[in-house]
PDB file of N, CA and C in Angstrom:
ATOM      1  N   MET A   1      -4.986 -12.159  18.033  1.00  0.00           N
ATOM      2  CA  MET A   1      -3.877 -12.507  17.184  1.00  0.00           C
ATOM      3  C   MET A   1      -2.593 -11.996  17.825  1.00  0.00           C
ATOM      4  N   LYS A   2      -1.626 -12.831  17.869  1.00  0.00           N
ATOM      5  CA  LYS A   2      -0.340 -12.446  18.435  1.00  0.00           C
ATOM      6  C   LYS A   2       0.616 -12.134  17.295  1.00  0.00           C
ATOM      7  N   LEU A   3       1.297 -11.001  17.410  1.00  0.00           N
ATOM      8  CA  LEU A   3       2.286 -10.664  16.401  1.00  0.00           C
ATOM      9  C   LEU A   3       3.492 -11.583  16.531  1.00  0.00           C
ATOM     10  N   ARG A   4       4.076 -11.883  15.410  1.00  0.00           N
ATOM     11  CA  ARG A   4       5.269 -12.733  15.404  1.00  0.00           C
ATOM     12  C   ARG A   4       6.468 -11.951  15.944  1.00  0.00           C
ATOM     13  N   GLU A   5       7.512 -12.657  16.286  1.00  0.00           N
ATOM     14  CA  GLU A   5       8.716 -12.001  16.790  1.00  0.00           C
ATOM     15  C   GLU A   5       9.597 -11.474  15.667  1.00  0.00           C
ATOM     16  N   ASN A   6       9.526 -12.102  14.498  1.00  0.00           N
ATOM     17  CA  ASN A   6      10.389 -11.713  13.383  1.00  0.00           C
ATOM     18  C   ASN A   6       9.559 -11.314  12.172  1.00  0.00           C
ATOM     19  N   TYR A   7       9.912 -10.185  11.593  1.00  0.00           N
ATOM     20  CA  TYR A   7       9.283  -9.687  10.377  1.00  0.00           C
ATOM     21  C   TYR A   7      10.376  -9.288   9.407  1.00  0.00           C
ATOM     22  N   THR A   8      10.098  -9.442   8.126  1.00  0.00           N
ATOM     23  CA  THR A   8      11.072  -9.041   7.115  1.00  0.00           C
ATOM     24  C   THR A   8      10.975  -7.554   6.813  1.00  0.00           C
ATOM     25  N   CYS A   9       9.789  -6.951   7.083  1.00  0.00           N
ATOM     26  CA  CYS A   9       9.621  -5.517   6.844  1.00  0.00           C
ATOM     27  C   CYS A   9       8.400  -5.009   7.611  1.00  0.00           C
ATOM     28  N   PRO A  10       8.282  -3.692   7.785  1.00  0.00           N
ATOM     29  CA  PRO A  10       7.141  -3.124   8.510  1.00  0.00           C
ATOM     30  C   PRO A  10       5.804  -3.402   7.834  1.00  0.00           C
ATOM     31  N   LEU A  11       5.793  -3.475   6.504  1.00  0.00           N
ATOM     32  CA  LEU A  11       4.552  -3.747   5.787  1.00  0.00           C
ATOM     33  C   LEU A  11       3.988  -5.112   6.166  1.00  0.00           C
ATOM     34  N   GLU A  12       4.861  -6.062   6.370  1.00  0.00           N
ATOM     35  CA  GLU A  12       4.435  -7.403   6.768  1.00  0.00           C
ATOM     36  C   GLU A  12       3.725  -7.356   8.122  1.00  0.00           C
ATOM     37  N   MET A  13       4.235  -6.554   9.048  1.00  0.00           N
ATOM     38  CA  MET A  13       3.605  -6.422  10.355  1.00  0.00           C
ATOM     39  C   MET A  13       2.237  -5.752  10.228  1.00  0.00           C
ATOM     40  N   THR A  14       2.171  -4.680   9.450  1.00  0.00           N
ATOM     41  CA  THR A  14       0.898  -3.979   9.248  1.00  0.00           C
ATOM     42  C   THR A  14      -0.123  -4.920   8.617  1.00  0.00           C
ATOM     43  N   HIS A  15       0.317  -5.702   7.659  1.00  0.00           N
ATOM     44  CA  HIS A  15      -0.577  -6.663   7.013  1.00  0.00           C
ATOM     45  C   HIS A  15      -1.126  -7.655   8.036  1.00  0.00           C
ATOM     46  N   ASP A  16      -0.291  -8.129   8.928  1.00  0.00           N
ATOM     47  CA  ASP A  16      -0.761  -9.059   9.960  1.00  0.00           C
ATOM     48  C   ASP A  16      -1.865  -8.433  10.817  1.00  0.00           C
ATOM     49  N   ILE A  17      -1.750  -7.147  11.094  1.00  0.00           N
ATOM     50  CA  ILE A  17      -2.725  -6.483  11.957  1.00  0.00           C
ATOM     51  C   ILE A  17      -4.075  -6.319  11.269  1.00  0.00           C
ATOM     52  N   ILE A  18      -4.082  -6.017   9.963  1.00  0.00           N
ATOM     53  CA  ILE A  18      -5.367  -5.743   9.302  1.00  0.00           C
ATOM     54  C   ILE A  18      -5.785  -6.813   8.292  1.00  0.00           C
ATOM     55  N   ARG A  19      -5.089  -7.937   8.266  1.00  0.00           N
ATOM     56  CA  ARG A  19      -5.413  -8.943   7.251  1.00  0.00           C
ATOM     57  C   ARG A  19      -6.764  -9.600   7.527  1.00  0.00           C
ATOM     58  N   GLY A  20      -7.302 -10.146   6.470  1.00  0.00           N
ATOM     59  CA  GLY A  20      -8.568 -10.855   6.566  1.00  0.00           C
ATOM     60  C   GLY A  20      -9.668 -10.129   5.812  1.00  0.00           C
ATOM     61  N   LYS A  21     -10.766 -10.808   5.689  1.00  0.00           N
ATOM     62  CA  LYS A  21     -11.906 -10.284   4.937  1.00  0.00           C
ATOM     63  C   LYS A  21     -12.574  -9.117   5.647  1.00  0.00           C
ATOM     64  N   TRP A  22     -12.650  -9.163   6.967  1.00  0.00           N
ATOM     65  CA  TRP A  22     -13.522  -8.245   7.691  1.00  0.00           C
ATOM     66  C   TRP A  22     -12.861  -6.990   8.233  1.00  0.00           C
ATOM     67  N   LYS A  23     -11.584  -7.036   8.573  1.00  0.00           N
ATOM     68  CA  LYS A  23     -10.964  -5.883   9.231  1.00  0.00           C
ATOM     69  C   LYS A  23     -10.986  -4.621   8.379  1.00  0.00           C
ATOM     70  N   PRO A  24     -10.640  -4.684   7.082  1.00  0.00           N
ATOM     71  CA  PRO A  24     -10.747  -3.454   6.286  1.00  0.00           C
ATOM     72  C   PRO A  24     -12.182  -2.925   6.215  1.00  0.00           C
ATOM     73  N   ILE A  25     -13.157  -3.822   6.208  1.00  0.00           N
ATOM     74  CA  ILE A  25     -14.562  -3.399   6.159  1.00  0.00           C
ATOM     75  C   ILE A  25     -14.959  -2.756   7.484  1.00  0.00           C
ATOM     76  N   ILE A  26     -14.474  -3.297   8.588  1.00  0.00           N
ATOM     77  CA  ILE A  26     -14.730  -2.689   9.899  1.00  0.00           C
ATOM     78  C   ILE A  26     -14.130  -1.284   9.935  1.00  0.00           C
ATOM     79  N   LEU A  27     -12.885  -1.150   9.449  1.00  0.00           N
ATOM     80  CA  LEU A  27     -12.252   0.174   9.401  1.00  0.00           C
ATOM     81  C   LEU A  27     -13.075   1.131   8.548  1.00  0.00           C
ATOM     82  N   TRP A  28     -13.554   0.652   7.410  1.00  0.00           N
ATOM     83  CA  TRP A  28     -14.360   1.496   6.513  1.00  0.00           C
ATOM     84  C   TRP A  28     -15.616   1.985   7.233  1.00  0.00           C
ATOM     85  N   GLN A  29     -16.316   1.071   7.901  1.00  0.00           N
ATOM     86  CA  GLN A  29     -17.552   1.440   8.598  1.00  0.00           C
ATOM     87  C   GLN A  29     -17.278   2.439   9.716  1.00  0.00           C
ATOM     88  N   LEU A  30     -16.211   2.204  10.474  1.00  0.00           N
ATOM     89  CA  LEU A  30     -15.891   3.125  11.568  1.00  0.00           C
ATOM     90  C   LEU A  30     -15.350   4.452  11.049  1.00  0.00           C
ATOM     91  N   GLY A  31     -14.832   4.458   9.836  1.00  0.00           N
ATOM     92  CA  GLY A  31     -14.394   5.700   9.215  1.00  0.00           C
ATOM     93  C   GLY A  31     -15.560   6.617   8.885  1.00  0.00           C
ATOM     94  N   LYS A  32     -16.735   6.041   8.699  1.00  0.00           N
ATOM     95  CA  LYS A  32     -17.938   6.842   8.436  1.00  0.00           C
ATOM     96  C   LYS A  32     -18.394   7.542   9.711  1.00  0.00           C
ATOM     97  N   SER A  33     -18.410   6.789  10.821  1.00  0.00           N
ATOM     98  CA  SER A  33     -18.823   7.359  12.107  1.00  0.00           C
ATOM     99  C   SER A  33     -18.614   6.334  13.214  1.00  0.00           C
ATOM    100  N   ARG A  34     -18.633   6.819  14.441  1.00  0.00           N
ATOM    101  CA  ARG A  34     -18.615   5.927  15.600  1.00  0.00           C
ATOM    102  C   ARG A  34     -19.797   4.977  15.481  1.00  0.00           C
ATOM    103  N   SER A  35     -19.669   3.793  16.066  1.00  0.00           N
ATOM    104  CA  SER A  35     -20.752   2.829  15.890  1.00  0.00           C
ATOM    105  C   SER A  35     -20.801   1.853  17.057  1.00  0.00           C
ATOM    106  N   SER A  36     -21.997   1.399  17.335  1.00  0.00           N
ATOM    107  CA  SER A  36     -22.185   0.348  18.339  1.00  0.00           C
ATOM    108  C   SER A  36     -21.934  -1.006  17.689  1.00  0.00           C
ATOM    109  N   LEU A  37     -21.795  -2.018  18.506  1.00  0.00           N
ATOM    110  CA  LEU A  37     -21.620  -3.380  18.017  1.00  0.00           C
ATOM    111  C   LEU A  37     -22.821  -3.787  17.156  1.00  0.00           C
ATOM    112  N   ALA A  38     -24.011  -3.503  17.624  1.00  0.00           N
ATOM    113  CA  ALA A  38     -25.226  -3.879  16.890  1.00  0.00           C
ATOM    114  C   ALA A  38     -25.273  -3.201  15.527  1.00  0.00           C
ATOM    115  N   ASN A  39     -24.896  -1.930  15.467  1.00  0.00           N
ATOM    116  CA  ASN A  39     -24.911  -1.223  14.185  1.00  0.00           C
ATOM    117  C   ASN A  39     -23.849  -1.761  13.238  1.00  0.00           C
ATOM    118  N   LEU A  40     -22.673  -2.073  13.761  1.00  0.00           N
ATOM    119  CA  LEU A  40     -21.636  -2.661  12.918  1.00  0.00           C
ATOM    120  C   LEU A  40     -22.099  -4.000  12.361  1.00  0.00           C
ATOM    121  N   GLU A  41     -22.697  -4.805  13.217  1.00  0.00           N
ATOM    122  CA  GLU A  41     -23.180  -6.123  12.783  1.00  0.00           C
ATOM    123  C   GLU A  41     -24.252  -5.966  11.694  1.00  0.00           C
ATOM    124  N   ARG A  42     -25.097  -4.979  11.832  1.00  0.00           N
ATOM    125  CA  ARG A  42     -26.148  -4.732  10.844  1.00  0.00           C
ATOM    126  C   ARG A  42     -25.560  -4.215   9.529  1.00  0.00           C
ATOM    127  N   ASP A  43     -24.575  -3.332   9.627  1.00  0.00           N
ATOM    128  CA  ASP A  43     -24.029  -2.674   8.442  1.00  0.00           C
ATOM    129  C   ASP A  43     -23.036  -3.537   7.660  1.00  0.00           C
ATOM    130  N   ILE A  44     -22.457  -4.541   8.292  1.00  0.00           N
ATOM    131  CA  ILE A  44     -21.482  -5.403   7.619  1.00  0.00           C
ATOM    132  C   ILE A  44     -22.170  -6.727   7.298  1.00  0.00           C
ATOM    133  N   GLN A  45     -22.670  -6.819   6.105  1.00  0.00           N
ATOM    134  CA  GLN A  45     -23.439  -7.996   5.697  1.00  0.00           C
ATOM    135  C   GLN A  45     -22.568  -9.239   5.719  1.00  0.00           C
ATOM    136  N   GLY A  46     -23.068 -10.283   6.373  1.00  0.00           N
ATOM    137  CA  GLY A  46     -22.392 -11.572   6.379  1.00  0.00           C
ATOM    138  C   GLY A  46     -21.485 -11.829   7.562  1.00  0.00           C
ATOM    139  N   ILE A  47     -21.181 -10.821   8.360  1.00  0.00           N
ATOM    140  CA  ILE A  47     -20.299 -11.039   9.510  1.00  0.00           C
ATOM    141  C   ILE A  47     -21.125 -11.541  10.686  1.00  0.00           C
ATOM    142  N   THR A  48     -20.565 -12.471  11.441  1.00  0.00           N
ATOM    143  CA  THR A  48     -21.240 -12.946  12.647  1.00  0.00           C
ATOM    144  C   THR A  48     -20.791 -12.090  13.828  1.00  0.00           C
ATOM    145  N   GLN A  49     -21.594 -12.088  14.876  1.00  0.00           N
ATOM    146  CA  GLN A  49     -21.230 -11.311  16.060  1.00  0.00           C
ATOM    147  C   GLN A  49     -19.917 -11.823  16.651  1.00  0.00           C
ATOM    148  N   LYS A  50     -19.737 -13.135  16.653  1.00  0.00           N
ATOM    149  CA  LYS A  50     -18.507 -13.719  17.187  1.00  0.00           C
ATOM    150  C   LYS A  50     -17.290 -13.224  16.413  1.00  0.00           C
ATOM    151  N   MET A  51     -17.367 -13.240  15.093  1.00  0.00           N
ATOM    152  CA  MET A  51     -16.254 -12.793  14.261  1.00  0.00           C
ATOM    153  C   MET A  51     -16.015 -11.294  14.446  1.00  0.00           C
ATOM    154  N   LEU A  52     -17.092 -10.521  14.509  1.00  0.00           N
ATOM    155  CA  LEU A  52     -16.975  -9.080  14.711  1.00  0.00           C
ATOM    156  C   LEU A  52     -16.279  -8.781  16.038  1.00  0.00           C
ATOM    157  N   LEU A  53     -16.692  -9.437  17.091  1.00  0.00           N
ATOM    158  CA  LEU A  53     -16.074  -9.228  18.406  1.00  0.00           C
ATOM    159  C   LEU A  53     -14.596  -9.617  18.397  1.00  0.00           C
ATOM    160  N   GLU A  54     -14.286 -10.720  17.739  1.00  0.00           N
ATOM    161  CA  GLU A  54     -12.900 -11.178  17.658  1.00  0.00           C
ATOM    162  C   GLU A  54     -12.027 -10.146  16.939  1.00  0.00           C
ATOM    163  N   HIS A  55     -12.519  -9.654  15.816  1.00  0.00           N
ATOM    164  CA  HIS A  55     -11.741  -8.671  15.056  1.00  0.00           C
ATOM    165  C   HIS A  55     -11.652  -7.334  15.792  1.00  0.00           C
ATOM    166  N   LEU A  56     -12.727  -6.907  16.413  1.00  0.00           N
ATOM    167  CA  LEU A  56     -12.672  -5.664  17.189  1.00  0.00           C
ATOM    168  C   LEU A  56     -11.653  -5.775  18.320  1.00  0.00           C
ATOM    169  N   LYS A  57     -11.611  -6.919  18.980  1.00  0.00           N
ATOM    170  CA  LYS A  57     -10.644  -7.121  20.061  1.00  0.00           C
ATOM    171  C   LYS A  57      -9.211  -6.983  19.534  1.00  0.00           C
ATOM    172  N   GLU A  58      -8.944  -7.612  18.392  1.00  0.00           N
ATOM    173  CA  GLU A  58      -7.605  -7.514  17.815  1.00  0.00           C
ATOM    174  C   GLU A  58      -7.282  -6.074  17.425  1.00  0.00           C
ATOM    175  N   LEU A  59      -8.234  -5.378  16.825  1.00  0.00           N
ATOM    176  CA  LEU A  59      -8.008  -3.982  16.436  1.00  0.00           C
ATOM    177  C   LEU A  59      -7.830  -3.091  17.667  1.00  0.00           C
ATOM    178  N   LEU A  60      -8.540  -3.404  18.746  1.00  0.00           N
ATOM    179  CA  LEU A  60      -8.356  -2.685  20.012  1.00  0.00           C
ATOM    180  C   LEU A  60      -6.953  -2.946  20.569  1.00  0.00           C
ATOM    181  N   ASP A  61      -6.509  -4.201  20.519  1.00  0.00           N
ATOM    182  CA  ASP A  61      -5.192  -4.575  21.048  1.00  0.00           C
ATOM    183  C   ASP A  61      -4.061  -3.817  20.368  1.00  0.00           C
ATOM    184  N   TYR A  62      -4.221  -3.484  19.100  1.00  0.00           N
ATOM    185  CA  TYR A  62      -3.170  -2.801  18.351  1.00  0.00           C
ATOM    186  C   TYR A  62      -3.441  -1.316  18.170  1.00  0.00           C
ATOM    187  N   ASP A  63      -4.348  -0.785  18.986  1.00  0.00           N
ATOM    188  CA  ASP A  63      -4.637   0.648  19.015  1.00  0.00           C
ATOM    189  C   ASP A  63      -5.052   1.188  17.644  1.00  0.00           C
ATOM    190  N   VAL A  64      -5.823   0.383  16.926  1.00  0.00           N
ATOM    191  CA  VAL A  64      -6.389   0.811  15.650  1.00  0.00           C
ATOM    192  C   VAL A  64      -7.808   1.323  15.894  1.00  0.00           C
ATOM    193  N   VAL A  65      -8.474   0.686  16.846  1.00  0.00           N
ATOM    194  CA  VAL A  65      -9.838   1.024  17.242  1.00  0.00           C
ATOM    195  C   VAL A  65      -9.839   1.240  18.748  1.00  0.00           C
ATOM    196  N   ALA A  66     -10.695   2.116  19.206  1.00  0.00           N
ATOM    197  CA  ALA A  66     -10.917   2.320  20.643  1.00  0.00           C
ATOM    198  C   ALA A  66     -12.413   2.226  20.893  1.00  0.00           C
ATOM    199  N   LYS A  67     -12.767   2.117  22.153  1.00  0.00           N
ATOM    200  CA  LYS A  67     -14.192   2.089  22.477  1.00  0.00           C
ATOM    201  C   LYS A  67     -14.457   2.979  23.671  1.00  0.00           C
ATOM    202  N   GLN A  68     -15.674   3.497  23.687  1.00  0.00           N
ATOM    203  CA  GLN A  68     -16.117   4.343  24.791  1.00  0.00           C
ATOM    204  C   GLN A  68     -17.392   3.742  25.346  1.00  0.00           C
ATOM    205  N   SER A  69     -17.416   3.541  26.650  1.00  0.00           N
ATOM    206  CA  SER A  69     -18.602   3.032  27.333  1.00  0.00           C
ATOM    207  C   SER A  69     -19.328   4.191  27.986  1.00  0.00           C
ATOM    208  N   PHE A  70     -20.645   4.157  27.891  1.00  0.00           N
ATOM    209  CA  PHE A  70     -21.474   5.195  28.485  1.00  0.00           C
ATOM    210  C   PHE A  70     -22.214   4.597  29.673  1.00  0.00           C
ATOM    211  N   GLU A  71     -22.116   5.244  30.799  1.00  0.00           N
ATOM    212  CA  GLU A  71     -22.744   4.775  32.029  1.00  0.00           C
ATOM    213  C   GLU A  71     -24.236   5.089  32.006  1.00  0.00           C
ATOM    214  N   GLU A  72     -24.969   4.254  31.363  1.00  0.00           N
ATOM    215  CA  GLU A  72     -26.423   4.411  31.289  1.00  0.00           C
ATOM    216  C   GLU A  72     -27.042   3.025  31.191  1.00  0.00           C
ATOM    217  N   TYR A  73     -28.324   2.973  31.281  1.00  0.00           N
ATOM    218  CA  TYR A  73     -29.016   1.696  31.160  1.00  0.00           C
ATOM    219  C   TYR A  73     -29.942   1.758  29.965  1.00  0.00           C
ATOM    220  N   PRO A  74     -29.854   0.840  29.054  1.00  0.00           N
ATOM    221  CA  PRO A  74     -28.848  -0.228  29.010  1.00  0.00           C
ATOM    222  C   PRO A  74     -27.478   0.345  28.649  1.00  0.00           C
ATOM    223  N   LEU A  75     -26.437  -0.385  29.047  1.00  0.00           N
ATOM    224  CA  LEU A  75     -25.063   0.035  28.781  1.00  0.00           C
ATOM    225  C   LEU A  75     -24.884   0.232  27.281  1.00  0.00           C
ATOM    226  N   ARG A  76     -24.237   1.320  26.918  1.00  0.00           N
ATOM    227  CA  ARG A  76     -23.988   1.613  25.505  1.00  0.00           C
ATOM    228  C   ARG A  76     -22.491   1.746  25.294  1.00  0.00           C
ATOM    229  N   VAL A  77     -22.005   1.109  24.232  1.00  0.00           N
ATOM    230  CA  VAL A  77     -20.593   1.154  23.886  1.00  0.00           C
ATOM    231  C   VAL A  77     -20.475   1.591  22.432  1.00  0.00           C
ATOM    232  N   GLU A  78     -19.581   2.518  22.174  1.00  0.00           N
ATOM    233  CA  GLU A  78     -19.318   2.946  20.807  1.00  0.00           C
ATOM    234  C   GLU A  78     -17.861   2.671  20.470  1.00  0.00           C
ATOM    235  N   TYR A  79     -17.649   2.181  19.265  1.00  0.00           N
ATOM    236  CA  TYR A  79     -16.306   1.942  18.739  1.00  0.00           C
ATOM    237  C   TYR A  79     -15.967   3.066  17.768  1.00  0.00           C
ATOM    238  N   PHE A  80     -14.680   3.418  17.723  1.00  0.00           N
ATOM    239  CA  PHE A  80     -14.237   4.474  16.824  1.00  0.00           C
ATOM    240  C   PHE A  80     -12.774   4.257  16.472  1.00  0.00           C
ATOM    241  N   LEU A  81     -12.336   4.909  15.390  1.00  0.00           N
ATOM    242  CA  LEU A  81     -10.957   4.788  14.952  1.00  0.00           C
ATOM    243  C   LEU A  81     -10.044   5.666  15.790  1.00  0.00           C
ATOM    244  N   THR A  82      -8.874   5.152  16.093  1.00  0.00           N
ATOM    245  CA  THR A  82      -7.827   5.941  16.729  1.00  0.00           C
ATOM    246  C   THR A  82      -7.054   6.673  15.630  1.00  0.00           C
ATOM    247  N   GLU A  83      -6.054   7.413  16.014  1.00  0.00           N
ATOM    248  CA  GLU A  83      -5.207   8.089  15.029  1.00  0.00           C
ATOM    249  C   GLU A  83      -4.566   7.052  14.097  1.00  0.00           C
ATOM    250  N   ARG A  84      -4.100   5.951  14.668  1.00  0.00           N
ATOM    251  CA  ARG A  84      -3.520   4.878  13.845  1.00  0.00           C
ATOM    252  C   ARG A  84      -4.574   4.297  12.917  1.00  0.00           C
ATOM    253  N   GLY A  85      -5.773   4.131  13.416  1.00  0.00           N
ATOM    254  CA  GLY A  85      -6.865   3.619  12.589  1.00  0.00           C
ATOM    255  C   GLY A  85      -7.195   4.554  11.440  1.00  0.00           C
ATOM    256  N   GLU A  86      -7.149   5.862  11.702  1.00  0.00           N
ATOM    257  CA  GLU A  86      -7.396   6.848  10.643  1.00  0.00           C
ATOM    258  C   GLU A  86      -6.348   6.731   9.540  1.00  0.00           C
ATOM    259  N   LYS A  87      -5.086   6.507   9.930  1.00  0.00           N
ATOM    260  CA  LYS A  87      -4.021   6.342   8.939  1.00  0.00           C
ATOM    261  C   LYS A  87      -4.238   5.070   8.117  1.00  0.00           C
ATOM    262  N   LEU A  88      -4.617   3.991   8.783  1.00  0.00           N
ATOM    263  CA  LEU A  88      -4.890   2.748   8.060  1.00  0.00           C
ATOM    264  C   LEU A  88      -6.090   2.906   7.140  1.00  0.00           C
ATOM    265  N   LEU A  89      -7.063   3.700   7.554  1.00  0.00           N
ATOM    266  CA  LEU A  89      -8.237   3.935   6.717  1.00  0.00           C
ATOM    267  C   LEU A  89      -7.839   4.588   5.396  1.00  0.00           C
ATOM    268  N   GLU A  90      -6.833   5.449   5.422  1.00  0.00           N
ATOM    269  CA  GLU A  90      -6.365   6.069   4.179  1.00  0.00           C
ATOM    270  C   GLU A  90      -5.938   4.994   3.179  1.00  0.00           C
ATOM    271  N   ALA A  91      -5.267   3.972   3.647  1.00  0.00           N
ATOM    272  CA  ALA A  91      -4.851   2.869   2.770  1.00  0.00           C
ATOM    273  C   ALA A  91      -6.065   2.085   2.274  1.00  0.00           C
ATOM    274  N   VAL A  92      -7.035   1.884   3.146  1.00  0.00           N
ATOM    275  CA  VAL A  92      -8.257   1.168   2.763  1.00  0.00           C
ATOM    276  C   VAL A  92      -9.018   1.945   1.686  1.00  0.00           C
ATOM    277  N   VAL A  93      -9.052   3.262   1.807  1.00  0.00           N
ATOM    278  CA  VAL A  93      -9.736   4.098   0.811  1.00  0.00           C
ATOM    279  C   VAL A  93      -9.056   3.942  -0.554  1.00  0.00           C
ATOM    280  N   ILE A  94      -7.746   3.910  -0.575  1.00  0.00           N
ATOM    281  CA  ILE A  94      -7.016   3.704  -1.828  1.00  0.00           C
ATOM    282  C   ILE A  94      -7.351   2.327  -2.404  1.00  0.00           C
ATOM    283  N   MET A  95      -7.356   1.312  -1.561  1.00  0.00           N
ATOM    284  CA  MET A  95      -7.687  -0.042  -2.014  1.00  0.00           C
ATOM    285  C   MET A  95      -9.109  -0.095  -2.559  1.00  0.00           C
ATOM    286  N   GLN A  96     -10.039   0.594  -1.896  1.00  0.00           N
ATOM    287  CA  GLN A  96     -11.412   0.593  -2.380  1.00  0.00           C
ATOM    288  C   GLN A  96     -11.498   1.276  -3.740  1.00  0.00           C
ATOM    289  N   GLY A  97     -10.773   2.359  -3.923  1.00  0.00           N
ATOM    290  CA  GLY A  97     -10.766   3.044  -5.211  1.00  0.00           C
ATOM    291  C   GLY A  97     -10.309   2.125  -6.337  1.00  0.00           C
ATOM    292  N   ILE A  98      -9.302   1.337  -6.072  1.00  0.00           N
ATOM    293  CA  ILE A  98      -8.834   0.369  -7.065  1.00  0.00           C
ATOM    294  C   ILE A  98      -9.912  -0.678  -7.324  1.00  0.00           C
ATOM    295  N   GLY A  99     -10.578  -1.131  -6.261  1.00  0.00           N
ATOM    296  CA  GLY A  99     -11.664  -2.098  -6.412  1.00  0.00           C
ATOM    297  C   GLY A  99     -12.814  -1.541  -7.234  1.00  0.00           C
ATOM    298  N   ILE A 100     -13.155  -0.280  -7.017  1.00  0.00           N
ATOM    299  CA  ILE A 100     -14.227   0.361  -7.793  1.00  0.00           C
ATOM    300  C   ILE A 100     -13.855   0.377  -9.274  1.00  0.00           C
ATOM    301  N   GLN A 101     -12.621   0.770  -9.540  1.00  0.00           N
ATOM    302  CA  GLN A 101     -12.165   0.822 -10.931  1.00  0.00           C
ATOM    303  C   GLN A 101     -12.226  -0.566 -11.575  1.00  0.00           C
ATOM    304  N   LEU A 102     -11.766  -1.579 -10.888  1.00  0.00           N
ATOM    305  CA  LEU A 102     -11.776  -2.942 -11.427  1.00  0.00           C
ATOM    306  C   LEU A 102     -13.203  -3.446 -11.641  1.00  0.00           C
ATOM    307  N   MET A 103     -14.102  -3.122 -10.711  1.00  0.00           N
ATOM    308  CA  MET A 103     -15.494  -3.545 -10.864  1.00  0.00           C
ATOM    309  C   MET A 103     -16.151  -2.847 -12.053  1.00  0.00           C
ATOM    310  N   GLN A 104     -15.836  -1.585 -12.261  1.00  0.00           N
ATOM    311  CA  GLN A 104     -16.379  -0.864 -13.416  1.00  0.00           C
ATOM    312  C   GLN A 104     -15.874  -1.487 -14.718  1.00  0.00           C
ATOM    313  N   GLU A 105     -14.588  -1.806 -14.740  1.00  0.00           N
ATOM    314  CA  GLU A 105     -14.007  -2.431 -15.932  1.00  0.00           C
ATOM    315  C   GLU A 105     -14.599  -3.811 -16.207  1.00  0.00           C
ATOM    316  N   SER A 106     -15.100  -4.457 -15.162  1.00  0.00           N
ATOM    317  CA  SER A 106     -15.676  -5.801 -15.288  1.00  0.00           C
ATOM    318  C   SER A 106     -17.188  -5.777 -15.457  1.00  0.00           C
ATOM    319  N   GLY A 107     -17.765  -4.590 -15.630  1.00  0.00           N
ATOM    320  CA  GLY A 107     -19.198  -4.486 -15.858  1.00  0.00           C
ATOM    321  C   GLY A 107     -20.057  -4.684 -14.622  1.00  0.00           C
ATOM    322  N   MET A 108     -19.542  -4.341 -13.461  1.00  0.00           N
ATOM    323  CA  MET A 108     -20.279  -4.529 -12.209  1.00  0.00           C
ATOM    324  C   MET A 108     -20.794  -3.206 -11.643  1.00  0.00           C
ATOM    325  N   GLU A 109     -21.119  -2.260 -12.529  1.00  0.00           N
ATOM    326  CA  GLU A 109     -21.579  -0.952 -12.078  1.00  0.00           C
ATOM    327  C   GLU A 109     -22.845  -1.037 -11.238  1.00  0.00           C
ATOM    328  N   SER A 110     -23.712  -2.009 -11.533  1.00  0.00           N
ATOM    329  CA  SER A 110     -24.973  -2.104 -10.793  1.00  0.00           C
ATOM    330  C   SER A 110     -24.734  -2.333  -9.301  1.00  0.00           C
ATOM    331  N   ILE A 111     -23.745  -3.128  -8.968  1.00  0.00           N
ATOM    332  CA  ILE A 111     -23.426  -3.374  -7.557  1.00  0.00           C
ATOM    333  C   ILE A 111     -22.932  -2.077  -6.917  1.00  0.00           C
ATOM    334  N   LEU A 112     -22.077  -1.364  -7.635  1.00  0.00           N
ATOM    335  CA  LEU A 112     -21.521  -0.110  -7.115  1.00  0.00           C
ATOM    336  C   LEU A 112     -22.631   0.925  -6.917  1.00  0.00           C
ATOM    337  N   LYS A 113     -23.577   0.982  -7.855  1.00  0.00           N
ATOM    338  CA  LYS A 113     -24.694   1.922  -7.731  1.00  0.00           C
ATOM    339  C   LYS A 113     -25.592   1.536  -6.561  1.00  0.00           C
ATOM    340  N   GLU A 114     -25.833   0.237  -6.412  1.00  0.00           N
ATOM    341  CA  GLU A 114     -26.659  -0.260  -5.300  1.00  0.00           C
ATOM    342  C   GLU A 114     -26.059   0.122  -3.948  1.00  0.00           C
ATOM    343  N   LYS A 115     -24.747   0.104  -3.867  1.00  0.00           N
ATOM    344  CA  LYS A 115     -24.043   0.445  -2.618  1.00  0.00           C
ATOM    345  C   LYS A 115     -23.828   1.949  -2.470  1.00  0.00           C
ATOM    346  N   GLY A 116     -24.214   2.719  -3.487  1.00  0.00           N
ATOM    347  CA  GLY A 116     -24.051   4.163  -3.431  1.00  0.00           C
ATOM    348  C   GLY A 116     -22.618   4.632  -3.622  1.00  0.00           C
ATOM    349  N   LEU A 117     -21.804   3.805  -4.276  1.00  0.00           N
ATOM    350  CA  LEU A 117     -20.398   4.158  -4.466  1.00  0.00           C
ATOM    351  C   LEU A 117     -20.148   4.924  -5.760  1.00  0.00           C
ATOM    352  N   ILE A 118     -21.080   4.821  -6.699  1.00  0.00           N
ATOM    353  CA  ILE A 118     -21.018   5.619  -7.919  1.00  0.00           C
ATOM    354  C   ILE A 118     -22.427   6.119  -8.222  1.00  0.00           C
ATOM    355  N   GLY A 119     -22.506   7.175  -9.032  1.00  0.00           N
ATOM    356  CA  GLY A 119     -23.803   7.763  -9.354  1.00  0.00           C
ATOM    357  C   GLY A 119     -24.475   7.156 -10.540  1.00  0.00           C
TER     358      GLY A 119
END
């Protein structure tokens, strides 16, 4: 994704970097721990490898995510949040908290319990 040349405010630019269904979920997963591509694909239900790679590339381009390659066979790569990614994760955590509250108000506690988000 290429950033536009003109923005009305910084929030608009930040939104462009993390917008979409999958990027906040990728940030959430990487906020738990470093992860390989295979583990991310397994942990994020419904995402395709192509979409995951595309979003990781964009997050890498904007220094939200970094990766470390290990010189071993088979080659192992781990993705992790950068300092900027950690800051964005704080916003994602707030958004998730609002989502939890809304789901509880809508009677969706079973989904939250299934995901281990509430007791």
